[in-house]
Amino acid sequence: MSIDSLLAGPATTPLATSVLLALAQPLPAEPLASWNEGPAKEAIVRFVKAVDARGSASFVPADERIAVFDNDGTLWPEQPIPVQFAFALDRVKAVAGEHPEWKPCCH
């Protein structure tokens, strides 16, 4: 079954389409290509190489690897406005009809 036939089906959801397209993308030639050069990037690349190198004292087998991300805001897009603020604006618009007291008083 080709990707084209999977994407053309009526049961295709945006999420499924996104996953299939993401899997079809080539891997970047450089690790963390969008990162600025510096000590943080170098430390992460060194760490990943060490835990991935068989025979290394730091080697971790693939089935024992766990990635943990702290959602401290660094994973949210922050331009042009934070996602949380956009959500709040959308909610205000959605319920504004139920609150006539929110209309400007002096126009």
C-alpha atoms as a PDB file:
ATOM      1  CA  MET A   1       0.000   0.000   0.000  1.00  0.00           C
ATOM      2  CA  SER A   2       1.464   3.372  -1.010  1.00  0.00           C
ATOM      3  CA  ILE A   3       1.443   6.592   1.019  1.00  0.00           C
ATOM      4  CA  ASP A   4      -0.743   8.137  -1.705  1.00  0.00           C
ATOM      5  CA  SER A   5      -3.444   5.511  -1.211  1.00  0.00           C
ATOM      6  CA  LEU A   6      -3.293   5.947   2.577  1.00  0.00           C
ATOM      7  CA  LEU A   7      -3.650   9.722   2.309  1.00  0.00           C
ATOM      8  CA  ALA A   8      -6.512   9.496  -0.196  1.00  0.00           C
ATOM      9  CA  GLY A   9      -8.797   7.358   1.971  1.00  0.00           C
ATOM     10  CA  PRO A  10     -11.880   8.848   3.659  1.00  0.00           C
ATOM     11  CA  ALA A  11     -10.700   7.704   7.102  1.00  0.00           C
ATOM     12  CA  THR A  12      -7.540   9.799   6.907  1.00  0.00           C
ATOM     13  CA  THR A  13      -7.343  12.194   9.820  1.00  0.00           C
ATOM     14  CA  PRO A  14      -5.109  15.260  10.007  1.00  0.00           C
ATOM     15  CA  LEU A  15      -3.098  13.530  12.743  1.00  0.00           C
ATOM     16  CA  ALA A  16      -2.552  10.395  10.662  1.00  0.00           C
ATOM     17  CA  THR A  17      -1.578  12.517   7.680  1.00  0.00           C
ATOM     18  CA  SER A  18       0.891  14.507   9.800  1.00  0.00           C
ATOM     19  CA  VAL A  19       2.461  11.341  11.195  1.00  0.00           C
ATOM     20  CA  LEU A  20       2.840   9.791   7.754  1.00  0.00           C
ATOM     21  CA  LEU A  21       4.359  12.953   6.311  1.00  0.00           C
ATOM     22  CA  ALA A  22       6.730  13.318   9.271  1.00  0.00           C
ATOM     23  CA  LEU A  23       7.917   9.738   8.847  1.00  0.00           C
ATOM     24  CA  ALA A  24       8.511  10.331   5.139  1.00  0.00           C
ATOM     25  CA  GLN A  25      10.868  13.272   5.773  1.00  0.00           C
ATOM     26  CA  PRO A  26      14.604  12.723   5.456  1.00  0.00           C
ATOM     27  CA  LEU A  27      16.629  12.979   8.648  1.00  0.00           C
ATOM     28  CA  PRO A  28      18.723  16.124   9.029  1.00  0.00           C
ATOM     29  CA  ALA A  29      22.358  15.669   8.056  1.00  0.00           C
ATOM     30  CA  GLU A  30      23.511  17.538  11.146  1.00  0.00           C
ATOM     31  CA  PRO A  31      22.218  16.700  14.641  1.00  0.00           C
ATOM     32  CA  LEU A  32      20.140  19.558  16.098  1.00  0.00           C
ATOM     33  CA  ALA A  33      20.551  21.507  12.865  1.00  0.00           C
ATOM     34  CA  SER A  34      18.242  24.314  14.018  1.00  0.00           C
ATOM     35  CA  TRP A  35      20.215  24.887  17.253  1.00  0.00           C
ATOM     36  CA  ASN A  36      22.883  27.545  17.681  1.00  0.00           C
ATOM     37  CA  GLU A  37      26.408  26.230  18.134  1.00  0.00           C
ATOM     38  CA  GLY A  38      27.524  26.306  21.746  1.00  0.00           C
ATOM     39  CA  PRO A  39      28.209  24.284  24.882  1.00  0.00           C
ATOM     40  CA  ALA A  40      24.601  23.097  25.362  1.00  0.00           C
ATOM     41  CA  LYS A  41      24.349  21.681  21.851  1.00  0.00           C
ATOM     42  CA  GLU A  42      27.812  20.126  22.094  1.00  0.00           C
ATOM     43  CA  ALA A  43      26.982  18.465  25.437  1.00  0.00           C
ATOM     44  CA  ILE A  44      23.733  16.969  24.123  1.00  0.00           C
ATOM     45  CA  VAL A  45      25.356  15.645  20.945  1.00  0.00           C
ATOM     46  CA  ARG A  46      28.258  14.155  22.982  1.00  0.00           C
ATOM     47  CA  PHE A  47      25.803  12.519  25.408  1.00  0.00           C
ATOM     48  CA  VAL A  48      23.672  10.980  22.650  1.00  0.00           C
ATOM     49  CA  LYS A  49      26.754   9.656  20.849  1.00  0.00           C
ATOM     50  CA  ALA A  50      28.052   8.122  24.103  1.00  0.00           C
ATOM     51  CA  VAL A  51      24.822   6.338  25.027  1.00  0.00           C
ATOM     52  CA  ASP A  52      24.433   5.102  21.438  1.00  0.00           C
ATOM     53  CA  ALA A  53      27.968   3.722  20.979  1.00  0.00           C
ATOM     54  CA  ARG A  54      28.199  -0.015  21.677  1.00  0.00           C
ATOM     55  CA  GLY A  55      31.169  -0.686  23.938  1.00  0.00           C
ATOM     56  CA  SER A  56      31.008   2.786  25.492  1.00  0.00           C
ATOM     57  CA  ALA A  57      30.862   2.898  29.295  1.00  0.00           C
ATOM     58  CA  SER A  58      27.732   5.053  28.894  1.00  0.00           C
ATOM     59  CA  PHE A  59      25.999   2.785  26.333  1.00  0.00           C
ATOM     60  CA  VAL A  60      22.253   2.281  26.886  1.00  0.00           C
ATOM     61  CA  PRO A  61      20.446  -0.396  24.842  1.00  0.00           C
ATOM     62  CA  ALA A  62      17.691   1.072  22.638  1.00  0.00           C
ATOM     63  CA  ASP A  63      14.870  -0.726  24.476  1.00  0.00           C
ATOM     64  CA  GLU A  64      16.005   0.830  27.780  1.00  0.00           C
ATOM     65  CA  ARG A  65      16.162   4.428  26.519  1.00  0.00           C
ATOM     66  CA  ILE A  66      13.586   6.903  27.781  1.00  0.00           C
ATOM     67  CA  ALA A  67      13.204  10.529  26.691  1.00  0.00           C
ATOM     68  CA  VAL A  68      11.626  12.971  29.128  1.00  0.00           C
ATOM     69  CA  PHE A  69      10.624  16.517  28.234  1.00  0.00           C
ATOM     70  CA  ASP A  70       9.810  19.163  30.809  1.00  0.00           C
ATOM     71  CA  ASN A  71       7.000  21.270  29.365  1.00  0.00           C
ATOM     72  CA  ASP A  72       8.289  24.530  30.815  1.00  0.00           C
ATOM     73  CA  GLY A  73       7.237  26.533  27.796  1.00  0.00           C
ATOM     74  CA  THR A  74      10.213  25.708  25.611  1.00  0.00           C
ATOM     75  CA  LEU A  75       8.104  23.273  23.612  1.00  0.00           C
ATOM     76  CA  TRP A  76       5.328  25.808  22.939  1.00  0.00           C
ATOM     77  CA  PRO A  77       5.599  28.135  19.967  1.00  0.00           C
ATOM     78  CA  GLU A  78       6.044  31.647  21.340  1.00  0.00           C
ATOM     79  CA  GLN A  79       5.655  33.848  18.256  1.00  0.00           C
ATOM     80  CA  PRO A  80       3.727  36.007  17.532  1.00  0.00           C
ATOM     81  CA  ILE A  81       1.794  35.294  20.754  1.00  0.00           C
ATOM     82  CA  PRO A  82       1.940  32.364  23.168  1.00  0.00           C
ATOM     83  CA  VAL A  83      -0.496  29.540  22.408  1.00  0.00           C
ATOM     84  CA  GLN A  84      -2.074  29.926  25.848  1.00  0.00           C
ATOM     85  CA  PHE A  85      -2.941  33.584  25.120  1.00  0.00           C
ATOM     86  CA  ALA A  86      -4.443  32.678  21.730  1.00  0.00           C
ATOM     87  CA  PHE A  87      -6.555  30.014  23.464  1.00  0.00           C
ATOM     88  CA  ALA A  88      -7.773  32.547  26.037  1.00  0.00           C
ATOM     89  CA  LEU A  89      -8.746  35.014  23.286  1.00  0.00           C
ATOM     90  CA  ASP A  90     -10.658  32.307  21.435  1.00  0.00           C
ATOM     91  CA  ARG A  91     -12.545  31.390  24.615  1.00  0.00           C
ATOM     92  CA  VAL A  92     -13.482  35.026  25.266  1.00  0.00           C
ATOM     93  CA  LYS A  93     -14.830  35.299  21.708  1.00  0.00           C
ATOM     94  CA  ALA A  94     -16.760  32.040  22.107  1.00  0.00           C
ATOM     95  CA  VAL A  95     -18.583  33.155  25.281  1.00  0.00           C
ATOM     96  CA  ALA A  96     -18.809  36.907  24.617  1.00  0.00           C
ATOM     97  CA  GLY A  97     -22.425  36.627  23.424  1.00  0.00           C
ATOM     98  CA  GLU A  98     -23.423  35.380  26.871  1.00  0.00           C
ATOM     99  CA  HIS A  99     -21.880  38.448  28.562  1.00  0.00           C
ATOM    100  CA  PRO A 100     -23.355  41.752  27.330  1.00  0.00           C
ATOM    101  CA  GLU A 101     -21.614  43.477  30.252  1.00  0.00           C
ATOM    102  CA  TRP A 102     -18.304  42.958  28.416  1.00  0.00           C
ATOM    103  CA  LYS A 103     -19.310  45.382  25.626  1.00  0.00           C
ATOM    104  CA  PRO A 104     -17.574  48.781  25.668  1.00  0.00           C
ATOM    105  CA  CYS A 105     -19.628  51.331  27.541  1.00  0.00           C
ATOM    106  CA  CYS A 106     -18.640  54.494  25.716  1.00  0.00           C
ATOM    107  CA  HIS A 107     -18.943  53.783  21.989  1.00  0.00           C
END
